[in-house]
């Protein structure tokens, strides 16, 4: 099978004009399009190599600051191949356990893109989630939400549609990814992002803001002054924004691809360095209870929010 011929995605699908996003700043436009192109580089490389030895080498040849997006694209491709060619499955898990281990967060997000593209995975989301890391599996739902916001924003953002059949917490994780997509849809424009989220029902806003925080720190693309505007625009949702930022810091720390813009976002939105913010996510994992009525993943997120707010109030994080 020529996987790239059958499953390839044209580069123009990542163009701002093609997507119809609101992006006024040329620098932001360049940044967001570069991220999309890098994602597709990783996606097409994984389709061609199917998780072979050459894939990791290629992904690591990409500029380290953008590298995570390439691993995310590879995660999508490997998950797609596993479910389209099940007789030769296991590609995603093999790569995750070996060369992709340091990018575990981005690979799980990429698996969610595969869910978005394959109807039978959307109809049985529990089956895919059950095959993933017990704690990080919700990142696949995050990836699903981002995909829907990025490719179908008129329905998912403007009409606020949520896919049918999702569990209550899966809907929340979906919104966390949808919030990430707003960084792209609204061109990293804080007032527009705040206005868009303000139109959603109140019970969806906290998760949307968490996604915005993650994107602001991981994708970046704006100066300190814009991050300060974002902090003010978030208002009472500052803890959720800070938690998303801390997730971004941890994702980059584990992958070994730190970025100045991530550290800047941490200092503005968390009152901490990227290293300190990542350490908060680690400490919040201690004695984490197993899944119960509330998933362990959500307990983790709540702990991070609480620790960041407490430490900032005490002036521990500077």
C-alpha atoms as a PDB file:
ATOM      1  CA  UNK A   1       0.000   0.000   0.000  1.00  0.00           C
ATOM      2  CA  UNK A   2       1.275   3.471  -0.861  1.00  0.00           C
ATOM      3  CA  UNK A   3       0.204   5.041   2.417  1.00  0.00           C
ATOM      4  CA  UNK A   4       1.240   8.564   1.474  1.00  0.00           C
ATOM      5  CA  UNK A   5      -0.801   8.386  -1.712  1.00  0.00           C
ATOM      6  CA  UNK A   6      -3.877   7.117   0.107  1.00  0.00           C
ATOM      7  CA  UNK A   7      -3.624   9.016   3.394  1.00  0.00           C
ATOM      8  CA  UNK A   8      -1.468  12.033   2.551  1.00  0.00           C
ATOM      9  CA  UNK A   9      -2.587  15.518   3.554  1.00  0.00           C
ATOM     10  CA  UNK A  10      -1.763  18.463   1.296  1.00  0.00           C
ATOM     11  CA  UNK A  11       0.432  21.173   2.779  1.00  0.00           C
ATOM     12  CA  UNK A  12      -2.077  23.838   1.809  1.00  0.00           C
ATOM     13  CA  UNK A  13      -4.435  22.361   4.413  1.00  0.00           C
ATOM     14  CA  UNK A  14      -2.248  24.114   7.004  1.00  0.00           C
ATOM     15  CA  UNK A  15      -2.394  27.510   5.320  1.00  0.00           C
ATOM     16  CA  UNK A  16      -4.186  30.179   7.328  1.00  0.00           C
ATOM     17  CA  UNK A  17      -6.120  31.380   4.292  1.00  0.00           C
ATOM     18  CA  UNK A  18      -7.277  27.836   3.567  1.00  0.00           C
ATOM     19  CA  UNK A  19      -8.458  27.341   7.129  1.00  0.00           C
ATOM     20  CA  UNK A  20     -10.111  30.748   7.314  1.00  0.00           C
ATOM     21  CA  UNK A  21      -8.503  31.624  10.629  1.00  0.00           C
ATOM     22  CA  UNK A  22      -8.304  35.155  12.002  1.00  0.00           C
ATOM     23  CA  UNK A  23      -4.599  36.019  11.938  1.00  0.00           C
ATOM     24  CA  UNK A  24      -3.566  39.633  11.512  1.00  0.00           C
ATOM     25  CA  UNK A  25       0.088  39.506  12.582  1.00  0.00           C
ATOM     26  CA  UNK A  26       2.381  38.193   9.793  1.00  0.00           C
ATOM     27  CA  UNK A  27       4.805  36.781  12.384  1.00  0.00           C
ATOM     28  CA  UNK A  28       2.022  34.823  14.041  1.00  0.00           C
ATOM     29  CA  UNK A  29       0.836  33.600  10.638  1.00  0.00           C
ATOM     30  CA  UNK A  30       4.327  32.342   9.817  1.00  0.00           C
ATOM     31  CA  UNK A  31       4.628  30.646  13.188  1.00  0.00           C
ATOM     32  CA  UNK A  32       1.282  28.845  13.027  1.00  0.00           C
ATOM     33  CA  UNK A  33       1.826  27.711   9.452  1.00  0.00           C
ATOM     34  CA  UNK A  34       5.308  26.439  10.316  1.00  0.00           C
ATOM     35  CA  UNK A  35       3.799  24.321  13.074  1.00  0.00           C
ATOM     36  CA  UNK A  36       1.267  22.839  10.667  1.00  0.00           C
ATOM     37  CA  UNK A  37       3.930  22.064   8.084  1.00  0.00           C
ATOM     38  CA  UNK A  38       6.126  20.390  10.694  1.00  0.00           C
ATOM     39  CA  UNK A  39       3.222  18.265  11.863  1.00  0.00           C
ATOM     40  CA  UNK A  40       2.701  17.096   8.294  1.00  0.00           C
ATOM     41  CA  UNK A  41       6.406  16.377   7.886  1.00  0.00           C
ATOM     42  CA  UNK A  42       6.223  13.954  10.808  1.00  0.00           C
ATOM     43  CA  UNK A  43       2.923  12.527   9.622  1.00  0.00           C
ATOM     44  CA  UNK A  44       4.139  11.765   6.114  1.00  0.00           C
ATOM     45  CA  UNK A  45       7.471  10.423   7.355  1.00  0.00           C
ATOM     46  CA  UNK A  46       5.659   7.940   9.577  1.00  0.00           C
ATOM     47  CA  UNK A  47       3.310   6.906   6.781  1.00  0.00           C
ATOM     48  CA  UNK A  48       6.308   6.150   4.586  1.00  0.00           C
ATOM     49  CA  UNK A  49       8.362   4.385   7.256  1.00  0.00           C
ATOM     50  CA  UNK A  50       5.537   2.836   9.337  1.00  0.00           C
ATOM     51  CA  UNK A  51       7.575   3.224  12.512  1.00  0.00           C
ATOM     52  CA  UNK A  52      10.805   1.747  11.199  1.00  0.00           C
ATOM     53  CA  UNK A  53      14.328   2.556  12.312  1.00  0.00           C
ATOM     54  CA  UNK A  54      14.670   5.558  10.012  1.00  0.00           C
ATOM     55  CA  UNK A  55      11.645   7.383  11.399  1.00  0.00           C
ATOM     56  CA  UNK A  56      13.136   8.477  14.717  1.00  0.00           C
ATOM     57  CA  UNK A  57      16.301   9.685  13.006  1.00  0.00           C
ATOM     58  CA  UNK A  58      14.287  11.804  10.615  1.00  0.00           C
ATOM     59  CA  UNK A  59      12.111  13.268  13.355  1.00  0.00           C
ATOM     60  CA  UNK A  60      15.154  14.162  15.433  1.00  0.00           C
ATOM     61  CA  UNK A  61      16.711  15.935  12.452  1.00  0.00           C
ATOM     62  CA  UNK A  62      13.929  18.511  12.637  1.00  0.00           C
ATOM     63  CA  UNK A  63      14.643  21.699  14.564  1.00  0.00           C
ATOM     64  CA  UNK A  64      14.289  20.742  18.225  1.00  0.00           C
ATOM     65  CA  UNK A  65      11.940  23.601  19.051  1.00  0.00           C
ATOM     66  CA  UNK A  66       9.400  22.330  16.477  1.00  0.00           C
ATOM     67  CA  UNK A  67      10.229  18.656  16.841  1.00  0.00           C
ATOM     68  CA  UNK A  68       7.311  17.820  19.119  1.00  0.00           C
ATOM     69  CA  UNK A  69       4.831  18.710  16.389  1.00  0.00           C
ATOM     70  CA  UNK A  70       6.538  16.244  14.050  1.00  0.00           C
ATOM     71  CA  UNK A  71       6.231  13.498  16.677  1.00  0.00           C
ATOM     72  CA  UNK A  72       2.566  14.411  17.075  1.00  0.00           C
ATOM     73  CA  UNK A  73       2.047  13.944  13.342  1.00  0.00           C
ATOM     74  CA  UNK A  74       3.910  10.642  13.486  1.00  0.00           C
ATOM     75  CA  UNK A  75       1.630   9.506  16.283  1.00  0.00           C
ATOM     76  CA  UNK A  76      -1.394  10.190  14.119  1.00  0.00           C
ATOM     77  CA  UNK A  77       0.065   8.261  11.182  1.00  0.00           C
ATOM     78  CA  UNK A  78       1.093   5.228  13.220  1.00  0.00           C
ATOM     79  CA  UNK A  79      -2.294   5.032  14.934  1.00  0.00           C
ATOM     80  CA  UNK A  80      -4.031   5.307  11.551  1.00  0.00           C
ATOM     81  CA  UNK A  81      -1.908   2.506  10.083  1.00  0.00           C
ATOM     82  CA  UNK A  82      -2.569   0.287  13.101  1.00  0.00           C
ATOM     83  CA  UNK A  83      -6.306   0.572  12.635  1.00  0.00           C
ATOM     84  CA  UNK A  84      -6.324   0.409   8.855  1.00  0.00           C
ATOM     85  CA  UNK A  85      -3.859  -2.497   8.646  1.00  0.00           C
ATOM     86  CA  UNK A  86      -4.524  -4.395  11.915  1.00  0.00           C
ATOM     87  CA  UNK A  87      -2.799  -7.564  10.698  1.00  0.00           C
ATOM     88  CA  UNK A  88       0.459  -5.630  10.990  1.00  0.00           C
ATOM     89  CA  UNK A  89      -0.561  -3.588  14.017  1.00  0.00           C
ATOM     90  CA  UNK A  90       1.313  -2.462  17.078  1.00  0.00           C
ATOM     91  CA  UNK A  91       3.272   0.286  15.300  1.00  0.00           C
ATOM     92  CA  UNK A  92       2.128   3.033  17.645  1.00  0.00           C
ATOM     93  CA  UNK A  93       2.886   1.097  20.834  1.00  0.00           C
ATOM     94  CA  UNK A  94       6.280  -0.129  19.595  1.00  0.00           C
ATOM     95  CA  UNK A  95       7.357   3.385  18.712  1.00  0.00           C
ATOM     96  CA  UNK A  96       5.963   4.723  21.993  1.00  0.00           C
ATOM     97  CA  UNK A  97       7.959   2.176  24.012  1.00  0.00           C
ATOM     98  CA  UNK A  98      11.197   2.816  22.122  1.00  0.00           C
ATOM     99  CA  UNK A  99      12.303   5.842  20.137  1.00  0.00           C
ATOM    100  CA  UNK A 100       9.186   7.864  20.888  1.00  0.00           C
ATOM    101  CA  UNK A 101       9.180   7.422  24.674  1.00  0.00           C
ATOM    102  CA  UNK A 102      10.387  10.936  25.439  1.00  0.00           C
ATOM    103  CA  UNK A 103       7.568  12.340  23.288  1.00  0.00           C
ATOM    104  CA  UNK A 104       4.837  10.295  24.983  1.00  0.00           C
ATOM    105  CA  UNK A 105       2.602  13.331  25.460  1.00  0.00           C
ATOM    106  CA  UNK A 106       2.668  14.407  21.815  1.00  0.00           C
ATOM    107  CA  UNK A 107       2.253  10.860  20.536  1.00  0.00           C
ATOM    108  CA  UNK A 108      -0.915  10.436  22.588  1.00  0.00           C
ATOM    109  CA  UNK A 109      -2.266  13.701  21.204  1.00  0.00           C
ATOM    110  CA  UNK A 110      -1.492  12.431  17.706  1.00  0.00           C
ATOM    111  CA  UNK A 111      -3.479   9.260  18.371  1.00  0.00           C
ATOM    112  CA  UNK A 112      -6.484  11.512  18.915  1.00  0.00           C
ATOM    113  CA  UNK A 113      -6.108  12.864  15.385  1.00  0.00           C
ATOM    114  CA  UNK A 114      -6.458   9.293  14.139  1.00  0.00           C
ATOM    115  CA  UNK A 115      -9.642   8.985  16.170  1.00  0.00           C
ATOM    116  CA  UNK A 116     -10.968  12.072  14.448  1.00  0.00           C
ATOM    117  CA  UNK A 117     -10.264  10.605  11.006  1.00  0.00           C
ATOM    118  CA  UNK A 118     -11.646   7.061  11.493  1.00  0.00           C
ATOM    119  CA  UNK A 119     -15.394   6.780  12.172  1.00  0.00           C
ATOM    120  CA  UNK A 120     -15.168   3.415  13.931  1.00  0.00           C
ATOM    121  CA  UNK A 121     -12.729   4.860  16.453  1.00  0.00           C
ATOM    122  CA  UNK A 122     -15.067   7.783  17.117  1.00  0.00           C
ATOM    123  CA  UNK A 123     -17.966   5.392  17.646  1.00  0.00           C
ATOM    124  CA  UNK A 124     -15.949   3.344  20.136  1.00  0.00           C
ATOM    125  CA  UNK A 125     -13.680   5.874  21.807  1.00  0.00           C
ATOM    126  CA  UNK A 126     -13.358   3.666  24.876  1.00  0.00           C
ATOM    127  CA  UNK A 127     -11.591   0.981  22.856  1.00  0.00           C
ATOM    128  CA  UNK A 128      -8.819   3.331  21.754  1.00  0.00           C
ATOM    129  CA  UNK A 129      -8.495   4.986  25.154  1.00  0.00           C
ATOM    130  CA  UNK A 130      -8.229   1.594  26.801  1.00  0.00           C
ATOM    131  CA  UNK A 131      -5.180   0.752  24.687  1.00  0.00           C
ATOM    132  CA  UNK A 132      -3.270   3.855  25.783  1.00  0.00           C
ATOM    133  CA  UNK A 133      -1.419   4.922  28.915  1.00  0.00           C
ATOM    134  CA  UNK A 134      -3.916   4.820  31.818  1.00  0.00           C
ATOM    135  CA  UNK A 135      -3.089   8.361  32.914  1.00  0.00           C
ATOM    136  CA  UNK A 136      -2.264  10.085  29.626  1.00  0.00           C
ATOM    137  CA  UNK A 137      -4.994   8.492  27.485  1.00  0.00           C
ATOM    138  CA  UNK A 138      -7.103  11.621  27.856  1.00  0.00           C
ATOM    139  CA  UNK A 139      -4.563  13.431  25.705  1.00  0.00           C
ATOM    140  CA  UNK A 140      -6.005  11.476  22.783  1.00  0.00           C
ATOM    141  CA  UNK A 141      -9.365  13.103  23.443  1.00  0.00           C
ATOM    142  CA  UNK A 142      -7.511  16.418  23.636  1.00  0.00           C
ATOM    143  CA  UNK A 143      -6.076  15.687  20.190  1.00  0.00           C
ATOM    144  CA  UNK A 144      -9.545  14.863  18.896  1.00  0.00           C
ATOM    145  CA  UNK A 145     -10.827  18.204  20.171  1.00  0.00           C
ATOM    146  CA  UNK A 146      -7.957  20.111  18.598  1.00  0.00           C
ATOM    147  CA  UNK A 147      -8.545  18.395  15.251  1.00  0.00           C
ATOM    148  CA  UNK A 148     -12.212  19.346  15.253  1.00  0.00           C
ATOM    149  CA  UNK A 149     -11.428  22.943  16.137  1.00  0.00           C
ATOM    150  CA  UNK A 150      -8.657  23.208  13.562  1.00  0.00           C
ATOM    151  CA  UNK A 151     -10.462  21.607  10.621  1.00  0.00           C
ATOM    152  CA  UNK A 152     -14.103  22.252  11.508  1.00  0.00           C
ATOM    153  CA  UNK A 153     -14.038  25.429  13.546  1.00  0.00           C
ATOM    154  CA  UNK A 154     -17.323  26.845  12.181  1.00  0.00           C
ATOM    155  CA  UNK A 155     -19.123  23.849  13.697  1.00  0.00           C
ATOM    156  CA  UNK A 156     -16.966  23.153  16.749  1.00  0.00           C
ATOM    157  CA  UNK A 157     -16.165  26.728  17.759  1.00  0.00           C
ATOM    158  CA  UNK A 158     -18.910  28.931  16.396  1.00  0.00           C
ATOM    159  CA  UNK A 159     -21.773  26.417  16.743  1.00  0.00           C
ATOM    160  CA  UNK A 160     -20.107  24.772  19.778  1.00  0.00           C
ATOM    161  CA  UNK A 161     -20.849  21.224  18.650  1.00  0.00           C
ATOM    162  CA  UNK A 162     -19.647  18.289  20.751  1.00  0.00           C
ATOM    163  CA  UNK A 163     -19.394  14.820  19.182  1.00  0.00           C
ATOM    164  CA  UNK A 164     -22.071  12.382  20.256  1.00  0.00           C
ATOM    165  CA  UNK A 165     -21.382   9.422  22.465  1.00  0.00           C
ATOM    166  CA  UNK A 166     -18.594  10.883  24.584  1.00  0.00           C
ATOM    167  CA  UNK A 167     -18.467  10.183  28.300  1.00  0.00           C
ATOM    168  CA  UNK A 168     -18.764  13.199  30.620  1.00  0.00           C
ATOM    169  CA  UNK A 169     -15.012  13.408  31.170  1.00  0.00           C
ATOM    170  CA  UNK A 170     -14.193  12.682  27.534  1.00  0.00           C
ATOM    171  CA  UNK A 171     -16.224  15.785  26.709  1.00  0.00           C
ATOM    172  CA  UNK A 172     -14.060  17.788  29.074  1.00  0.00           C
ATOM    173  CA  UNK A 173     -10.808  16.467  27.579  1.00  0.00           C
ATOM    174  CA  UNK A 174     -12.243  17.219  24.122  1.00  0.00           C
ATOM    175  CA  UNK A 175     -12.758  20.829  25.232  1.00  0.00           C
ATOM    176  CA  UNK A 176      -9.175  21.069  26.452  1.00  0.00           C
ATOM    177  CA  UNK A 177      -8.038  20.276  22.911  1.00  0.00           C
ATOM    178  CA  UNK A 178     -10.652  22.550  21.422  1.00  0.00           C
ATOM    179  CA  UNK A 179      -9.238  25.334  23.586  1.00  0.00           C
ATOM    180  CA  UNK A 180      -5.770  24.671  22.155  1.00  0.00           C
ATOM    181  CA  UNK A 181      -7.182  25.080  18.670  1.00  0.00           C
ATOM    182  CA  UNK A 182      -8.384  28.585  19.545  1.00  0.00           C
ATOM    183  CA  UNK A 183      -4.753  29.733  19.591  1.00  0.00           C
ATOM    184  CA  UNK A 184      -4.775  28.967  15.857  1.00  0.00           C
ATOM    185  CA  UNK A 185      -8.385  29.806  14.966  1.00  0.00           C
ATOM    186  CA  UNK A 186      -8.183  33.236  16.618  1.00  0.00           C
ATOM    187  CA  UNK A 187      -4.580  33.907  15.616  1.00  0.00           C
ATOM    188  CA  UNK A 188      -3.204  34.008  19.199  1.00  0.00           C
ATOM    189  CA  UNK A 189      -5.282  37.173  19.734  1.00  0.00           C
ATOM    190  CA  UNK A 190      -6.132  37.220  23.460  1.00  0.00           C
ATOM    191  CA  UNK A 191      -9.191  39.529  23.299  1.00  0.00           C
ATOM    192  CA  UNK A 192     -10.699  37.458  20.489  1.00  0.00           C
ATOM    193  CA  UNK A 193      -9.976  34.221  22.357  1.00  0.00           C
ATOM    194  CA  UNK A 194     -11.642  35.609  25.488  1.00  0.00           C
ATOM    195  CA  UNK A 195     -14.657  36.753  23.474  1.00  0.00           C
ATOM    196  CA  UNK A 196     -14.977  33.345  21.805  1.00  0.00           C
ATOM    197  CA  UNK A 197     -14.747  31.421  25.076  1.00  0.00           C
ATOM    198  CA  UNK A 198     -17.190  33.828  26.703  1.00  0.00           C
ATOM    199  CA  UNK A 199     -19.835  32.719  24.208  1.00  0.00           C
ATOM    200  CA  UNK A 200     -19.583  29.096  25.414  1.00  0.00           C
ATOM    201  CA  UNK A 201     -21.638  27.757  28.320  1.00  0.00           C
ATOM    202  CA  UNK A 202     -19.911  28.465  31.613  1.00  0.00           C
ATOM    203  CA  UNK A 203     -19.315  24.775  32.360  1.00  0.00           C
ATOM    204  CA  UNK A 204     -17.059  24.511  29.277  1.00  0.00           C
ATOM    205  CA  UNK A 205     -14.941  27.620  29.770  1.00  0.00           C
ATOM    206  CA  UNK A 206     -12.398  26.343  32.318  1.00  0.00           C
ATOM    207  CA  UNK A 207     -11.274  23.478  30.078  1.00  0.00           C
ATOM    208  CA  UNK A 208     -11.140  25.744  27.048  1.00  0.00           C
ATOM    209  CA  UNK A 209      -8.891  28.185  28.919  1.00  0.00           C
ATOM    210  CA  UNK A 210      -6.634  25.332  30.028  1.00  0.00           C
ATOM    211  CA  UNK A 211      -6.104  24.432  26.373  1.00  0.00           C
ATOM    212  CA  UNK A 212      -5.352  28.036  25.496  1.00  0.00           C
ATOM    213  CA  UNK A 213      -2.714  28.124  28.231  1.00  0.00           C
ATOM    214  CA  UNK A 214      -1.025  25.016  26.886  1.00  0.00           C
ATOM    215  CA  UNK A 215      -0.957  26.348  23.337  1.00  0.00           C
ATOM    216  CA  UNK A 216       0.364  29.737  24.404  1.00  0.00           C
ATOM    217  CA  UNK A 217       3.365  28.057  26.024  1.00  0.00           C
ATOM    218  CA  UNK A 218       3.993  25.149  23.670  1.00  0.00           C
ATOM    219  CA  UNK A 219       3.189  26.711  20.288  1.00  0.00           C
ATOM    220  CA  UNK A 220       3.967  30.273  21.326  1.00  0.00           C
ATOM    221  CA  UNK A 221       4.487  32.944  18.717  1.00  0.00           C
ATOM    222  CA  UNK A 222       3.653  36.133  20.644  1.00  0.00           C
ATOM    223  CA  UNK A 223       5.711  38.626  22.701  1.00  0.00           C
ATOM    224  CA  UNK A 224       5.526  39.179  26.445  1.00  0.00           C
ATOM    225  CA  UNK A 225       3.061  42.056  26.084  1.00  0.00           C
ATOM    226  CA  UNK A 226       0.552  39.769  24.369  1.00  0.00           C
ATOM    227  CA  UNK A 227       0.952  37.143  27.090  1.00  0.00           C
ATOM    228  CA  UNK A 228       0.244  39.816  29.679  1.00  0.00           C
ATOM    229  CA  UNK A 229      -2.952  40.698  27.818  1.00  0.00           C
ATOM    230  CA  UNK A 230      -3.846  36.990  27.795  1.00  0.00           C
ATOM    231  CA  UNK A 231      -3.309  36.798  31.561  1.00  0.00           C
ATOM    232  CA  UNK A 232      -5.704  39.692  32.094  1.00  0.00           C
ATOM    233  CA  UNK A 233      -8.236  38.324  29.626  1.00  0.00           C
ATOM    234  CA  UNK A 234      -8.347  34.960  31.408  1.00  0.00           C
ATOM    235  CA  UNK A 235      -9.495  36.626  34.623  1.00  0.00           C
ATOM    236  CA  UNK A 236     -10.795  34.039  37.087  1.00  0.00           C
ATOM    237  CA  UNK A 237      -9.612  31.234  34.791  1.00  0.00           C
ATOM    238  CA  UNK A 238      -5.962  32.081  35.471  1.00  0.00           C
ATOM    239  CA  UNK A 239      -5.436  28.787  37.400  1.00  0.00           C
ATOM    240  CA  UNK A 240      -6.585  26.753  34.395  1.00  0.00           C
ATOM    241  CA  UNK A 241      -4.349  28.769  32.060  1.00  0.00           C
ATOM    242  CA  UNK A 242      -1.402  28.247  34.410  1.00  0.00           C
ATOM    243  CA  UNK A 243      -2.030  24.509  34.541  1.00  0.00           C
ATOM    244  CA  UNK A 244      -2.031  24.305  30.749  1.00  0.00           C
ATOM    245  CA  UNK A 245       1.213  26.266  30.641  1.00  0.00           C
ATOM    246  CA  UNK A 246       2.782  23.888  33.187  1.00  0.00           C
ATOM    247  CA  UNK A 247       1.737  20.915  31.041  1.00  0.00           C
ATOM    248  CA  UNK A 248       3.537  22.512  28.092  1.00  0.00           C
ATOM    249  CA  UNK A 249       6.654  23.001  30.185  1.00  0.00           C
ATOM    250  CA  UNK A 250       6.635  19.365  31.289  1.00  0.00           C
ATOM    251  CA  UNK A 251       6.044  18.133  27.751  1.00  0.00           C
ATOM    252  CA  UNK A 252       9.093  20.013  26.511  1.00  0.00           C
ATOM    253  CA  UNK A 253      11.217  19.035  29.504  1.00  0.00           C
ATOM    254  CA  UNK A 254      10.553  15.329  29.027  1.00  0.00           C
ATOM    255  CA  UNK A 255      11.292  15.553  25.305  1.00  0.00           C
ATOM    256  CA  UNK A 256      14.457  17.567  25.882  1.00  0.00           C
ATOM    257  CA  UNK A 257      13.360  20.374  23.564  1.00  0.00           C
ATOM    258  CA  UNK A 258      13.086  23.505  25.729  1.00  0.00           C
ATOM    259  CA  UNK A 259      12.130  26.775  24.088  1.00  0.00           C
ATOM    260  CA  UNK A 260      12.594  30.396  25.201  1.00  0.00           C
ATOM    261  CA  UNK A 261       8.960  31.175  24.441  1.00  0.00           C
ATOM    262  CA  UNK A 262       7.822  28.386  26.785  1.00  0.00           C
ATOM    263  CA  UNK A 263       9.928  29.785  29.613  1.00  0.00           C
ATOM    264  CA  UNK A 264       8.546  33.257  28.890  1.00  0.00           C
ATOM    265  CA  UNK A 265       4.948  32.009  29.014  1.00  0.00           C
ATOM    266  CA  UNK A 266       5.663  30.213  32.281  1.00  0.00           C
ATOM    267  CA  UNK A 267       7.071  33.379  33.863  1.00  0.00           C
ATOM    268  CA  UNK A 268       4.147  35.532  32.722  1.00  0.00           C
ATOM    269  CA  UNK A 269       1.276  33.068  33.238  1.00  0.00           C
ATOM    270  CA  UNK A 270       2.587  30.872  36.064  1.00  0.00           C
ATOM    271  CA  UNK A 271       4.978  33.211  37.842  1.00  0.00           C
ATOM    272  CA  UNK A 272       7.596  30.494  37.451  1.00  0.00           C
ATOM    273  CA  UNK A 273      10.372  29.357  35.192  1.00  0.00           C
ATOM    274  CA  UNK A 274       9.675  26.475  32.833  1.00  0.00           C
ATOM    275  CA  UNK A 275      11.774  24.212  35.063  1.00  0.00           C
ATOM    276  CA  UNK A 276       9.777  25.196  38.146  1.00  0.00           C
ATOM    277  CA  UNK A 277       6.440  24.786  36.380  1.00  0.00           C
ATOM    278  CA  UNK A 278       7.419  21.326  35.152  1.00  0.00           C
ATOM    279  CA  UNK A 279       8.466  20.391  38.691  1.00  0.00           C
ATOM    280  CA  UNK A 280       4.967  21.264  39.909  1.00  0.00           C
ATOM    281  CA  UNK A 281       3.477  18.725  37.501  1.00  0.00           C
ATOM    282  CA  UNK A 282       5.868  16.104  38.880  1.00  0.00           C
ATOM    283  CA  UNK A 283       5.073  16.801  42.527  1.00  0.00           C
ATOM    284  CA  UNK A 284       1.345  16.688  41.757  1.00  0.00           C
ATOM    285  CA  UNK A 285       1.792  13.088  40.584  1.00  0.00           C
ATOM    286  CA  UNK A 286       2.883  11.822  43.995  1.00  0.00           C
ATOM    287  CA  UNK A 287       0.440   9.331  45.508  1.00  0.00           C
ATOM    288  CA  UNK A 288      -2.004   9.991  42.702  1.00  0.00           C
ATOM    289  CA  UNK A 289      -5.109   7.858  43.331  1.00  0.00           C
ATOM    290  CA  UNK A 290      -6.368   5.404  40.715  1.00  0.00           C
ATOM    291  CA  UNK A 291      -9.274   6.279  38.471  1.00  0.00           C
ATOM    292  CA  UNK A 292     -12.563   6.509  40.324  1.00  0.00           C
ATOM    293  CA  UNK A 293     -15.618   8.676  39.748  1.00  0.00           C
ATOM    294  CA  UNK A 294     -13.096  11.343  38.815  1.00  0.00           C
ATOM    295  CA  UNK A 295     -10.240  10.222  36.546  1.00  0.00           C
ATOM    296  CA  UNK A 296      -6.744  10.386  38.008  1.00  0.00           C
ATOM    297  CA  UNK A 297      -5.864  12.695  35.129  1.00  0.00           C
ATOM    298  CA  UNK A 298      -8.333  15.293  36.391  1.00  0.00           C
ATOM    299  CA  UNK A 299      -7.084  14.915  39.965  1.00  0.00           C
ATOM    300  CA  UNK A 300      -3.600  15.612  38.594  1.00  0.00           C
ATOM    301  CA  UNK A 301      -4.777  18.722  36.770  1.00  0.00           C
ATOM    302  CA  UNK A 302      -6.563  20.040  39.864  1.00  0.00           C
ATOM    303  CA  UNK A 303      -3.500  19.470  42.028  1.00  0.00           C
ATOM    304  CA  UNK A 304      -1.332  21.388  39.581  1.00  0.00           C
ATOM    305  CA  UNK A 305      -3.737  24.319  39.637  1.00  0.00           C
ATOM    306  CA  UNK A 306      -3.861  24.327  43.421  1.00  0.00           C
ATOM    307  CA  UNK A 307      -0.085  24.078  43.845  1.00  0.00           C
ATOM    308  CA  UNK A 308       0.620  26.842  41.359  1.00  0.00           C
ATOM    309  CA  UNK A 309      -1.848  29.215  42.976  1.00  0.00           C
ATOM    310  CA  UNK A 310      -0.582  28.403  46.475  1.00  0.00           C
ATOM    311  CA  UNK A 311       3.082  28.815  45.584  1.00  0.00           C
ATOM    312  CA  UNK A 312       2.526  31.999  43.628  1.00  0.00           C
ATOM    313  CA  UNK A 313       0.571  33.490  46.559  1.00  0.00           C
ATOM    314  CA  UNK A 314       3.432  32.637  48.898  1.00  0.00           C
ATOM    315  CA  UNK A 315       5.998  34.077  46.506  1.00  0.00           C
ATOM    316  CA  UNK A 316       7.766  30.722  46.215  1.00  0.00           C
ATOM    317  CA  UNK A 317       7.742  30.838  42.433  1.00  0.00           C
ATOM    318  CA  UNK A 318       9.362  33.942  41.026  1.00  0.00           C
END
